Amino acid sequence: MQPATEGGGFEVGRGVVAPQLVDDALRLLHVDMLEHGHSAQTLSEWLWAMHWFPHLNQRDEILALAHALPQRWRGGTLCDPQILLQFPHVGPEPEIVFHLDEEPAWADGRRYERIVGVPLTPWRRENGGLLVKVDDEAVAVELDPTDAVMLAPHQQHSGGVNRTGSPRYGVYFRWLQDAL
């Protein structure tokens, strides 16, 4: 594992998820697209909600990714996974907006303990992969399938712009503080 950045903002784990688990998750998503032929309207709704395949987020193939993570990354109450799909960008260049995942309105005052991203395809700067803010600079966290990144809730982060010809896939897991 790479150490957390100054202030504990993020930590990268290389090769922490078995390749078969990544393949199982990708197969689930691709078979779903093949069998359901999701409409442009559905894809647009998922895009703007930033949650792709919401009907699959509790499937064993997705949850197995969370269970494969280092034990110390899994404390707290697991929230619904967020499946991401980022198509190649078209149109005007968008502004990159960094954000925090600190306290969801629905969580009765509980805060996130951590956010963990698991790439199902490579995450690179050129395909819109994860960016974190370090000393007011956007830093690309480049990951391969089987890697994972753990973000502290105070770590500003964003996706980038996918300038390649291939979609980028991943799953984010969030854990809330346990209820008192």
N, C-alpha and C. Protein backbone atom coordinates (compact mmCIF):
# COMPACT_ATOMS: atom_id res chain seq x y z
N MET A 1 0.83 -1.18 0.00
CA MET A 1 0.00 0.00 0.00
C MET A 1 0.87 1.24 0.00
N GLN A 2 0.47 2.23 -0.76
CA GLN A 2 1.14 3.51 -0.67
C GLN A 2 0.62 4.23 0.57
N PRO A 3 1.47 4.97 1.25
CA PRO A 3 1.01 5.66 2.47
C PRO A 3 0.02 6.76 2.13
N ALA A 4 -0.78 7.10 3.12
CA ALA A 4 -1.71 8.22 2.97
C ALA A 4 -0.91 9.50 2.74
N THR A 5 -1.55 10.45 2.07
CA THR A 5 -0.89 11.72 1.85
C THR A 5 -0.86 12.51 3.15
N GLU A 6 -0.14 13.59 3.15
CA GLU A 6 -0.06 14.47 4.32
C GLU A 6 -1.47 14.81 4.78
N GLY A 7 -1.76 14.64 6.04
CA GLY A 7 -3.08 14.92 6.56
C GLY A 7 -4.05 13.77 6.38
N GLY A 8 -3.58 12.64 5.86
CA GLY A 8 -4.44 11.47 5.74
C GLY A 8 -5.49 11.57 4.66
N GLY A 9 -5.23 12.27 3.56
CA GLY A 9 -6.24 12.50 2.53
C GLY A 9 -6.61 11.30 1.69
N PHE A 10 -5.63 10.51 1.27
CA PHE A 10 -5.95 9.32 0.47
C PHE A 10 -4.82 8.31 0.57
N GLU A 11 -5.18 7.07 0.27
CA GLU A 11 -4.21 5.97 0.30
C GLU A 11 -4.54 5.04 -0.85
N VAL A 12 -3.52 4.59 -1.56
CA VAL A 12 -3.70 3.69 -2.69
C VAL A 12 -3.27 2.28 -2.28
N GLY A 13 -4.10 1.31 -2.59
CA GLY A 13 -3.76 -0.10 -2.40
C GLY A 13 -3.59 -0.74 -3.77
N ARG A 14 -2.42 -1.24 -4.06
CA ARG A 14 -2.16 -1.88 -5.36
C ARG A 14 -2.46 -3.37 -5.27
N GLY A 15 -3.27 -3.86 -6.21
CA GLY A 15 -3.54 -5.28 -6.31
C GLY A 15 -4.33 -5.86 -5.15
N VAL A 16 -5.19 -5.07 -4.53
CA VAL A 16 -5.93 -5.55 -3.35
C VAL A 16 -7.21 -6.30 -3.70
N VAL A 17 -7.67 -6.19 -4.95
CA VAL A 17 -8.89 -6.87 -5.39
C VAL A 17 -8.50 -7.93 -6.43
N ALA A 18 -8.98 -9.14 -6.25
CA ALA A 18 -8.65 -10.23 -7.18
C ALA A 18 -9.17 -9.92 -8.58
N PRO A 19 -8.38 -10.21 -9.61
CA PRO A 19 -8.81 -9.97 -11.00
C PRO A 19 -10.16 -10.61 -11.32
N GLN A 20 -10.45 -11.79 -10.78
CA GLN A 20 -11.71 -12.46 -11.07
C GLN A 20 -12.90 -11.65 -10.56
N LEU A 21 -12.74 -10.98 -9.43
CA LEU A 21 -13.83 -10.15 -8.90
C LEU A 21 -14.11 -8.95 -9.80
N VAL A 22 -13.04 -8.36 -10.33
CA VAL A 22 -13.20 -7.24 -11.27
C VAL A 22 -13.92 -7.73 -12.53
N ASP A 23 -13.49 -8.88 -13.04
CA ASP A 23 -14.11 -9.45 -14.24
C ASP A 23 -15.58 -9.78 -13.99
N ASP A 24 -15.89 -10.34 -12.83
CA ASP A 24 -17.28 -10.67 -12.50
C ASP A 24 -18.16 -9.42 -12.49
N ALA A 25 -17.65 -8.33 -11.93
CA ALA A 25 -18.42 -7.08 -11.87
C ALA A 25 -18.62 -6.51 -13.28
N LEU A 26 -17.57 -6.49 -14.09
CA LEU A 26 -17.70 -6.00 -15.46
C LEU A 26 -18.67 -6.86 -16.28
N ARG A 27 -18.58 -8.16 -16.09
CA ARG A 27 -19.49 -9.07 -16.80
C ARG A 27 -20.94 -8.76 -16.42
N LEU A 28 -21.21 -8.54 -15.14
CA LEU A 28 -22.55 -8.20 -14.69
C LEU A 28 -23.07 -6.95 -15.40
N LEU A 29 -22.24 -5.91 -15.47
CA LEU A 29 -22.66 -4.66 -16.12
C LEU A 29 -22.89 -4.85 -17.61
N HIS A 30 -21.97 -5.54 -18.28
CA HIS A 30 -22.09 -5.72 -19.72
C HIS A 30 -23.27 -6.62 -20.09
N VAL A 31 -23.49 -7.68 -19.33
CA VAL A 31 -24.64 -8.55 -19.60
C VAL A 31 -25.94 -7.77 -19.38
N ASP A 32 -25.97 -6.93 -18.36
CA ASP A 32 -27.16 -6.11 -18.11
C ASP A 32 -27.43 -5.18 -19.30
N MET A 33 -26.39 -4.56 -19.84
CA MET A 33 -26.57 -3.70 -21.02
C MET A 33 -27.06 -4.50 -22.21
N LEU A 34 -26.51 -5.68 -22.41
CA LEU A 34 -26.90 -6.53 -23.53
C LEU A 34 -28.36 -6.98 -23.39
N GLU A 35 -28.74 -7.43 -22.19
CA GLU A 35 -30.09 -7.96 -21.99
C GLU A 35 -31.16 -6.89 -21.94
N HIS A 36 -30.81 -5.68 -21.46
CA HIS A 36 -31.84 -4.65 -21.28
C HIS A 36 -31.76 -3.52 -22.29
N GLY A 37 -30.66 -3.40 -23.01
CA GLY A 37 -30.54 -2.35 -24.02
C GLY A 37 -30.99 -1.00 -23.49
N HIS A 38 -30.39 -0.52 -22.44
CA HIS A 38 -30.83 0.70 -21.77
C HIS A 38 -30.99 1.85 -22.75
N SER A 39 -32.09 2.55 -22.63
CA SER A 39 -32.43 3.65 -23.54
C SER A 39 -31.57 4.87 -23.26
N ALA A 40 -31.55 5.78 -24.22
CA ALA A 40 -30.83 7.04 -24.04
C ALA A 40 -31.41 7.80 -22.85
N GLN A 41 -32.71 7.72 -22.64
CA GLN A 41 -33.34 8.40 -21.50
C GLN A 41 -32.83 7.83 -20.18
N THR A 42 -32.78 6.51 -20.08
CA THR A 42 -32.27 5.88 -18.86
C THR A 42 -30.82 6.25 -18.62
N LEU A 43 -30.00 6.16 -19.67
CA LEU A 43 -28.58 6.51 -19.52
C LEU A 43 -28.42 7.97 -19.10
N SER A 44 -29.24 8.86 -19.64
CA SER A 44 -29.19 10.27 -19.27
C SER A 44 -29.56 10.47 -17.80
N GLU A 45 -30.59 9.77 -17.34
CA GLU A 45 -30.98 9.86 -15.93
C GLU A 45 -29.85 9.38 -15.03
N TRP A 46 -29.23 8.28 -15.39
CA TRP A 46 -28.13 7.76 -14.59
C TRP A 46 -26.95 8.72 -14.60
N LEU A 47 -26.66 9.31 -15.77
CA LEU A 47 -25.56 10.24 -15.90
C LEU A 47 -25.73 11.42 -14.94
N TRP A 48 -26.89 12.03 -14.96
CA TRP A 48 -27.10 13.22 -14.13
C TRP A 48 -27.22 12.88 -12.66
N ALA A 49 -27.65 11.68 -12.34
CA ALA A 49 -27.72 11.25 -10.94
C ALA A 49 -26.36 10.76 -10.45
N MET A 50 -25.43 10.52 -11.38
CA MET A 50 -24.10 10.00 -11.09
C MET A 50 -24.16 8.63 -10.42
N HIS A 51 -25.19 7.89 -10.69
CA HIS A 51 -25.34 6.52 -10.20
C HIS A 51 -25.80 5.67 -11.38
N TRP A 52 -24.90 4.84 -11.88
CA TRP A 52 -25.21 3.97 -13.00
C TRP A 52 -25.66 2.62 -12.46
N PHE A 53 -26.54 1.97 -13.16
CA PHE A 53 -26.99 0.61 -12.81
C PHE A 53 -27.47 0.53 -11.34
N PRO A 54 -28.36 1.43 -10.90
CA PRO A 54 -28.76 1.40 -9.49
C PRO A 54 -29.43 0.09 -9.09
N HIS A 55 -30.00 -0.61 -10.04
CA HIS A 55 -30.66 -1.90 -9.77
C HIS A 55 -29.66 -3.03 -9.54
N LEU A 56 -28.36 -2.76 -9.75
CA LEU A 56 -27.33 -3.79 -9.58
C LEU A 56 -26.43 -3.54 -8.38
N ASN A 57 -26.60 -2.42 -7.68
CA ASN A 57 -25.60 -2.07 -6.67
C ASN A 57 -25.58 -2.97 -5.45
N GLN A 58 -26.59 -3.83 -5.25
CA GLN A 58 -26.57 -4.77 -4.13
C GLN A 58 -26.29 -6.21 -4.58
N ARG A 59 -25.92 -6.36 -5.83
CA ARG A 59 -25.62 -7.70 -6.33
C ARG A 59 -24.31 -8.21 -5.74
N ASP A 60 -24.23 -9.52 -5.61
CA ASP A 60 -23.04 -10.15 -5.03
C ASP A 60 -21.76 -9.76 -5.77
N GLU A 61 -21.85 -9.62 -7.09
CA GLU A 61 -20.67 -9.31 -7.89
C GLU A 61 -20.10 -7.93 -7.54
N ILE A 62 -20.97 -7.00 -7.13
CA ILE A 62 -20.54 -5.66 -6.75
C ILE A 62 -20.06 -5.66 -5.29
N LEU A 63 -20.86 -6.25 -4.41
CA LEU A 63 -20.50 -6.27 -2.99
C LEU A 63 -19.22 -7.05 -2.71
N ALA A 64 -18.92 -8.04 -3.55
CA ALA A 64 -17.68 -8.81 -3.38
C ALA A 64 -16.45 -7.91 -3.47
N LEU A 65 -16.55 -6.84 -4.26
CA LEU A 65 -15.42 -5.91 -4.37
C LEU A 65 -15.15 -5.24 -3.02
N ALA A 66 -16.21 -4.85 -2.32
CA ALA A 66 -16.05 -4.22 -1.01
C ALA A 66 -15.45 -5.20 0.00
N HIS A 67 -15.91 -6.44 -0.04
CA HIS A 67 -15.42 -7.45 0.91
C HIS A 67 -13.96 -7.80 0.67
N ALA A 68 -13.45 -7.53 -0.53
CA ALA A 68 -12.05 -7.84 -0.85
C ALA A 68 -11.08 -6.76 -0.36
N LEU A 69 -11.61 -5.62 0.04
CA LEU A 69 -10.75 -4.51 0.45
C LEU A 69 -10.07 -4.80 1.79
N PRO A 70 -8.96 -4.13 2.07
CA PRO A 70 -8.31 -4.32 3.37
C PRO A 70 -9.30 -4.08 4.51
N GLN A 71 -9.22 -4.90 5.52
CA GLN A 71 -10.15 -4.84 6.66
C GLN A 71 -10.21 -3.44 7.27
N ARG A 72 -9.08 -2.79 7.40
CA ARG A 72 -9.08 -1.47 8.05
C ARG A 72 -9.77 -0.39 7.21
N TRP A 73 -10.06 -0.70 5.94
CA TRP A 73 -10.79 0.23 5.08
C TRP A 73 -12.30 0.02 5.17
N ARG A 74 -12.75 -0.98 5.91
CA ARG A 74 -14.16 -1.38 5.85
C ARG A 74 -14.93 -1.13 7.15
N GLY A 75 -14.41 -0.35 8.07
CA GLY A 75 -15.11 -0.10 9.32
C GLY A 75 -16.27 0.86 9.13
N GLY A 76 -17.32 0.68 9.93
CA GLY A 76 -18.49 1.53 9.85
C GLY A 76 -19.63 0.82 9.15
N THR A 77 -20.63 1.59 8.75
CA THR A 77 -21.82 1.06 8.10
C THR A 77 -21.71 1.28 6.59
N LEU A 78 -21.70 0.20 5.84
CA LEU A 78 -21.59 0.29 4.38
C LEU A 78 -22.86 0.88 3.79
N CYS A 79 -22.71 1.91 2.96
CA CYS A 79 -23.82 2.53 2.24
C CYS A 79 -24.01 1.82 0.91
N ASP A 80 -25.06 2.18 0.17
CA ASP A 80 -25.25 1.62 -1.16
C ASP A 80 -24.06 1.96 -2.04
N PRO A 81 -23.51 0.98 -2.73
CA PRO A 81 -22.41 1.26 -3.66
C PRO A 81 -22.85 2.20 -4.78
N GLN A 82 -21.91 2.93 -5.31
CA GLN A 82 -22.14 3.83 -6.45
C GLN A 82 -21.36 3.28 -7.63
N ILE A 83 -22.08 2.75 -8.62
CA ILE A 83 -21.45 2.24 -9.83
C ILE A 83 -21.29 3.41 -10.79
N LEU A 84 -20.10 3.55 -11.35
CA LEU A 84 -19.81 4.65 -12.26
C LEU A 84 -19.47 4.14 -13.65
N LEU A 85 -19.93 4.87 -14.63
CA LEU A 85 -19.58 4.63 -16.03
C LEU A 85 -19.36 6.00 -16.63
N GLN A 86 -18.19 6.26 -17.15
CA GLN A 86 -17.90 7.55 -17.76
C GLN A 86 -17.58 7.34 -19.23
N PHE A 87 -18.53 7.75 -20.07
CA PHE A 87 -18.35 7.66 -21.52
C PHE A 87 -17.35 8.70 -22.00
N PRO A 88 -16.80 8.52 -23.20
CA PRO A 88 -15.96 9.56 -23.77
C PRO A 88 -16.70 10.89 -23.85
N HIS A 89 -16.01 11.96 -23.57
CA HIS A 89 -16.62 13.30 -23.54
C HIS A 89 -16.86 13.82 -24.94
N VAL A 90 -17.98 14.48 -25.12
CA VAL A 90 -18.28 15.24 -26.34
C VAL A 90 -18.78 16.61 -25.91
N GLY A 91 -18.55 17.59 -26.75
CA GLY A 91 -19.05 18.93 -26.45
C GLY A 91 -17.98 19.82 -25.85
N PRO A 92 -18.43 20.98 -25.36
CA PRO A 92 -17.48 21.95 -24.79
C PRO A 92 -16.76 21.37 -23.57
N GLU A 93 -15.57 21.87 -23.35
CA GLU A 93 -14.76 21.41 -22.22
C GLU A 93 -15.46 21.78 -20.91
N PRO A 94 -15.75 20.80 -20.07
CA PRO A 94 -16.41 21.10 -18.80
C PRO A 94 -15.42 21.59 -17.75
N GLU A 95 -15.94 22.31 -16.78
CA GLU A 95 -15.12 22.73 -15.64
C GLU A 95 -15.02 21.56 -14.67
N ILE A 96 -13.84 21.34 -14.14
CA ILE A 96 -13.64 20.31 -13.11
C ILE A 96 -14.03 20.94 -11.78
N VAL A 97 -14.98 20.31 -11.10
CA VAL A 97 -15.45 20.82 -9.81
C VAL A 97 -15.12 19.79 -8.73
N PHE A 98 -14.28 20.18 -7.81
CA PHE A 98 -13.91 19.30 -6.70
C PHE A 98 -15.00 19.36 -5.63
N HIS A 99 -15.17 18.26 -4.92
CA HIS A 99 -16.19 18.21 -3.87
C HIS A 99 -15.70 17.35 -2.71
N LEU A 100 -16.47 17.38 -1.64
CA LEU A 100 -16.23 16.57 -0.45
C LEU A 100 -17.42 15.66 -0.24
N ASP A 101 -17.19 14.51 0.34
CA ASP A 101 -18.25 13.59 0.74
C ASP A 101 -18.18 13.50 2.26
N GLU A 102 -18.79 14.45 2.95
CA GLU A 102 -18.61 14.49 4.40
C GLU A 102 -19.82 13.99 5.18
N GLU A 103 -20.98 14.61 5.00
CA GLU A 103 -22.14 14.25 5.81
C GLU A 103 -23.38 14.22 4.93
N PRO A 104 -23.85 13.03 4.60
CA PRO A 104 -25.06 12.96 3.78
C PRO A 104 -26.29 13.42 4.57
N ALA A 105 -27.18 14.15 3.93
CA ALA A 105 -28.37 14.69 4.59
C ALA A 105 -29.24 13.60 5.19
N TRP A 106 -29.26 12.43 4.61
CA TRP A 106 -30.14 11.35 5.05
C TRP A 106 -29.57 10.53 6.21
N ALA A 107 -28.38 10.85 6.69
CA ALA A 107 -27.68 9.97 7.63
C ALA A 107 -27.84 10.37 9.11
N ASP A 108 -28.80 11.21 9.44
CA ASP A 108 -29.07 11.58 10.84
C ASP A 108 -27.82 12.08 11.57
N GLY A 109 -27.05 12.95 10.92
CA GLY A 109 -25.89 13.56 11.54
C GLY A 109 -24.62 12.72 11.52
N ARG A 110 -24.71 11.48 11.04
CA ARG A 110 -23.49 10.66 10.94
C ARG A 110 -22.69 11.10 9.72
N ARG A 111 -21.40 11.04 9.85
CA ARG A 111 -20.51 11.42 8.76
C ARG A 111 -19.91 10.18 8.12
N TYR A 112 -19.40 10.37 6.92
CA TYR A 112 -18.67 9.28 6.29
C TYR A 112 -17.35 9.06 7.03
N GLU A 113 -17.00 7.79 7.17
CA GLU A 113 -15.68 7.43 7.70
C GLU A 113 -14.65 7.45 6.57
N ARG A 114 -15.05 6.92 5.41
CA ARG A 114 -14.14 6.83 4.28
C ARG A 114 -14.94 6.56 3.01
N ILE A 115 -14.29 6.84 1.89
CA ILE A 115 -14.82 6.56 0.56
C ILE A 115 -13.74 5.73 -0.13
N VAL A 116 -14.14 4.63 -0.77
CA VAL A 116 -13.16 3.78 -1.44
C VAL A 116 -13.59 3.58 -2.89
N GLY A 117 -12.69 3.90 -3.81
CA GLY A 117 -12.92 3.69 -5.23
C GLY A 117 -12.20 2.44 -5.71
N VAL A 118 -12.93 1.64 -6.49
CA VAL A 118 -12.37 0.42 -7.08
C VAL A 118 -12.52 0.53 -8.59
N PRO A 119 -11.43 0.69 -9.33
CA PRO A 119 -11.53 0.76 -10.78
C PRO A 119 -11.80 -0.61 -11.39
N LEU A 120 -12.73 -0.64 -12.35
CA LEU A 120 -12.98 -1.87 -13.10
C LEU A 120 -12.26 -1.84 -14.44
N THR A 121 -11.87 -0.65 -14.85
CA THR A 121 -11.00 -0.42 -16.01
C THR A 121 -9.93 0.56 -15.54
N PRO A 122 -8.84 0.73 -16.28
CA PRO A 122 -7.82 1.66 -15.82
C PRO A 122 -8.39 3.07 -15.60
N TRP A 123 -7.91 3.72 -14.57
CA TRP A 123 -8.23 5.12 -14.30
C TRP A 123 -6.98 5.93 -14.56
N ARG A 124 -7.06 6.76 -15.56
CA ARG A 124 -5.94 7.61 -15.96
C ARG A 124 -6.46 9.04 -16.13
N ARG A 125 -5.55 9.99 -16.10
CA ARG A 125 -5.95 11.38 -16.31
C ARG A 125 -6.69 11.52 -17.65
N GLU A 126 -6.18 10.86 -18.69
CA GLU A 126 -6.77 11.04 -20.03
C GLU A 126 -8.14 10.39 -20.19
N ASN A 127 -8.53 9.46 -19.30
CA ASN A 127 -9.87 8.87 -19.44
C ASN A 127 -10.81 9.30 -18.31
N GLY A 128 -10.48 10.43 -17.68
CA GLY A 128 -11.37 10.98 -16.68
C GLY A 128 -11.22 10.39 -15.30
N GLY A 129 -10.10 9.72 -15.05
CA GLY A 129 -9.89 9.08 -13.76
C GLY A 129 -9.89 10.06 -12.59
N LEU A 130 -9.81 9.52 -11.41
CA LEU A 130 -9.89 10.29 -10.17
C LEU A 130 -8.83 11.37 -10.09
N LEU A 131 -9.28 12.56 -9.70
CA LEU A 131 -8.38 13.67 -9.39
C LEU A 131 -8.59 14.03 -7.92
N VAL A 132 -7.51 14.30 -7.22
CA VAL A 132 -7.60 14.79 -5.84
C VAL A 132 -6.90 16.14 -5.77
N LYS A 133 -7.33 16.95 -4.85
CA LYS A 133 -6.72 18.26 -4.65
C LYS A 133 -5.66 18.12 -3.57
N VAL A 134 -4.41 18.43 -3.94
CA VAL A 134 -3.28 18.41 -3.01
C VAL A 134 -2.56 19.74 -3.16
N ASP A 135 -2.52 20.51 -2.07
CA ASP A 135 -1.87 21.82 -2.09
C ASP A 135 -2.38 22.67 -3.26
N ASP A 136 -3.70 22.70 -3.44
CA ASP A 136 -4.38 23.48 -4.49
C ASP A 136 -4.05 23.04 -5.91
N GLU A 137 -3.47 21.85 -6.06
CA GLU A 137 -3.18 21.29 -7.38
C GLU A 137 -4.04 20.07 -7.61
N ALA A 138 -4.51 19.88 -8.85
CA ALA A 138 -5.24 18.67 -9.22
C ALA A 138 -4.23 17.57 -9.52
N VAL A 139 -4.28 16.50 -8.74
CA VAL A 139 -3.35 15.39 -8.90
C VAL A 139 -4.13 14.17 -9.35
N ALA A 140 -3.70 13.56 -10.45
CA ALA A 140 -4.36 12.34 -10.94
C ALA A 140 -3.91 11.15 -10.09
N VAL A 141 -4.89 10.36 -9.65
CA VAL A 141 -4.60 9.12 -8.93
C VAL A 141 -4.81 8.00 -9.95
N GLU A 142 -3.73 7.57 -10.55
CA GLU A 142 -3.83 6.59 -11.63
C GLU A 142 -3.84 5.18 -11.05
N LEU A 143 -4.87 4.44 -11.43
CA LEU A 143 -5.11 3.11 -10.87
C LEU A 143 -5.39 2.12 -11.97
N ASP A 144 -5.07 0.87 -11.69
CA ASP A 144 -5.40 -0.24 -12.57
C ASP A 144 -6.50 -1.07 -11.93
N PRO A 145 -7.23 -1.86 -12.75
CA PRO A 145 -8.15 -2.82 -12.14
C PRO A 145 -7.35 -3.69 -11.16
N THR A 146 -7.94 -4.02 -10.07
CA THR A 146 -7.39 -4.73 -8.91
C THR A 146 -6.81 -3.77 -7.86
N ASP A 147 -6.57 -2.50 -8.22
CA ASP A 147 -6.15 -1.49 -7.25
C ASP A 147 -7.40 -0.92 -6.57
N ALA A 148 -7.18 -0.13 -5.56
CA ALA A 148 -8.26 0.62 -4.91
C ALA A 148 -7.65 1.87 -4.28
N VAL A 149 -8.49 2.86 -4.06
CA VAL A 149 -8.06 4.09 -3.40
C VAL A 149 -9.04 4.39 -2.28
N MET A 150 -8.50 4.69 -1.10
CA MET A 150 -9.30 5.07 0.05
C MET A 150 -9.14 6.56 0.25
N LEU A 151 -10.27 7.28 0.28
CA LEU A 151 -10.27 8.72 0.48
C LEU A 151 -10.83 9.04 1.85
N ALA A 152 -10.18 9.95 2.56
CA ALA A 152 -10.76 10.50 3.78
C ALA A 152 -11.89 11.45 3.36
N PRO A 153 -12.92 11.60 4.18
CA PRO A 153 -14.04 12.45 3.77
C PRO A 153 -13.66 13.91 3.54
N HIS A 154 -12.56 14.37 4.13
CA HIS A 154 -12.14 15.76 3.94
C HIS A 154 -11.27 15.94 2.69
N GLN A 155 -11.05 14.86 1.93
CA GLN A 155 -10.23 14.95 0.72
C GLN A 155 -11.07 15.45 -0.45
N GLN A 156 -10.74 16.60 -0.97
CA GLN A 156 -11.44 17.11 -2.15
C GLN A 156 -11.07 16.23 -3.34
N HIS A 157 -12.08 15.88 -4.14
CA HIS A 157 -11.85 14.99 -5.28
C HIS A 157 -12.86 15.26 -6.38
N SER A 158 -12.57 14.73 -7.56
CA SER A 158 -13.44 14.88 -8.72
C SER A 158 -13.04 13.85 -9.76
N GLY A 159 -13.95 13.56 -10.66
CA GLY A 159 -13.59 12.85 -11.88
C GLY A 159 -13.07 13.87 -12.87
N GLY A 160 -12.30 13.39 -13.81
CA GLY A 160 -11.79 14.27 -14.85
C GLY A 160 -12.65 14.19 -16.10
N VAL A 161 -12.05 14.46 -17.23
CA VAL A 161 -12.72 14.44 -18.53
C VAL A 161 -12.18 13.25 -19.32
N ASN A 162 -13.08 12.43 -19.83
CA ASN A 162 -12.66 11.26 -20.60
C ASN A 162 -12.43 11.67 -22.05
N ARG A 163 -11.16 11.76 -22.42
CA ARG A 163 -10.78 12.16 -23.78
C ARG A 163 -10.40 10.96 -24.65
N THR A 164 -10.64 9.74 -24.15
CA THR A 164 -10.29 8.54 -24.91
C THR A 164 -11.52 8.01 -25.63
N GLY A 165 -11.34 6.92 -26.34
CA GLY A 165 -12.44 6.30 -27.07
C GLY A 165 -13.14 5.20 -26.30
N SER A 166 -12.77 4.98 -25.03
CA SER A 166 -13.35 3.89 -24.25
C SER A 166 -14.00 4.41 -22.98
N PRO A 167 -15.08 3.77 -22.56
CA PRO A 167 -15.69 4.15 -21.27
C PRO A 167 -14.78 3.77 -20.12
N ARG A 168 -14.93 4.48 -19.02
CA ARG A 168 -14.22 4.19 -17.77
C ARG A 168 -15.25 3.72 -16.75
N TYR A 169 -14.95 2.58 -16.10
CA TYR A 169 -15.86 1.98 -15.12
C TYR A 169 -15.22 1.96 -13.74
N GLY A 170 -16.06 2.04 -12.73
CA GLY A 170 -15.59 1.89 -11.36
C GLY A 170 -16.75 1.77 -10.39
N VAL A 171 -16.42 1.48 -9.16
CA VAL A 171 -17.42 1.40 -8.09
C VAL A 171 -16.85 2.16 -6.90
N TYR A 172 -17.69 3.02 -6.32
CA TYR A 172 -17.32 3.69 -5.07
C TYR A 172 -18.13 3.11 -3.93
N PHE A 173 -17.44 2.87 -2.84
CA PHE A 173 -18.08 2.41 -1.61
C PHE A 173 -17.86 3.49 -0.55
N ARG A 174 -18.90 3.73 0.25
CA ARG A 174 -18.81 4.69 1.34
C ARG A 174 -19.25 4.01 2.63
N TRP A 175 -18.52 4.30 3.70
CA TRP A 175 -18.88 3.78 5.02
C TRP A 175 -19.20 4.95 5.93
N LEU A 176 -20.34 4.87 6.62
CA LEU A 176 -20.74 5.86 7.60
C LEU A 176 -20.20 5.49 8.96
N GLN A 177 -20.06 6.50 9.81
CA GLN A 177 -19.78 6.24 11.21
C GLN A 177 -20.90 5.37 11.75
N ASP A 178 -20.56 4.45 12.61
CA ASP A 178 -21.58 3.63 13.24
C ASP A 178 -22.48 4.51 14.11
N ALA A 179 -23.77 4.14 14.21
CA ALA A 179 -24.70 4.88 15.04
C ALA A 179 -24.30 4.73 16.51
N LEU A 180 -24.56 5.75 17.27
CA LEU A 180 -24.23 5.70 18.71
C LEU A 180 -25.23 4.88 19.47
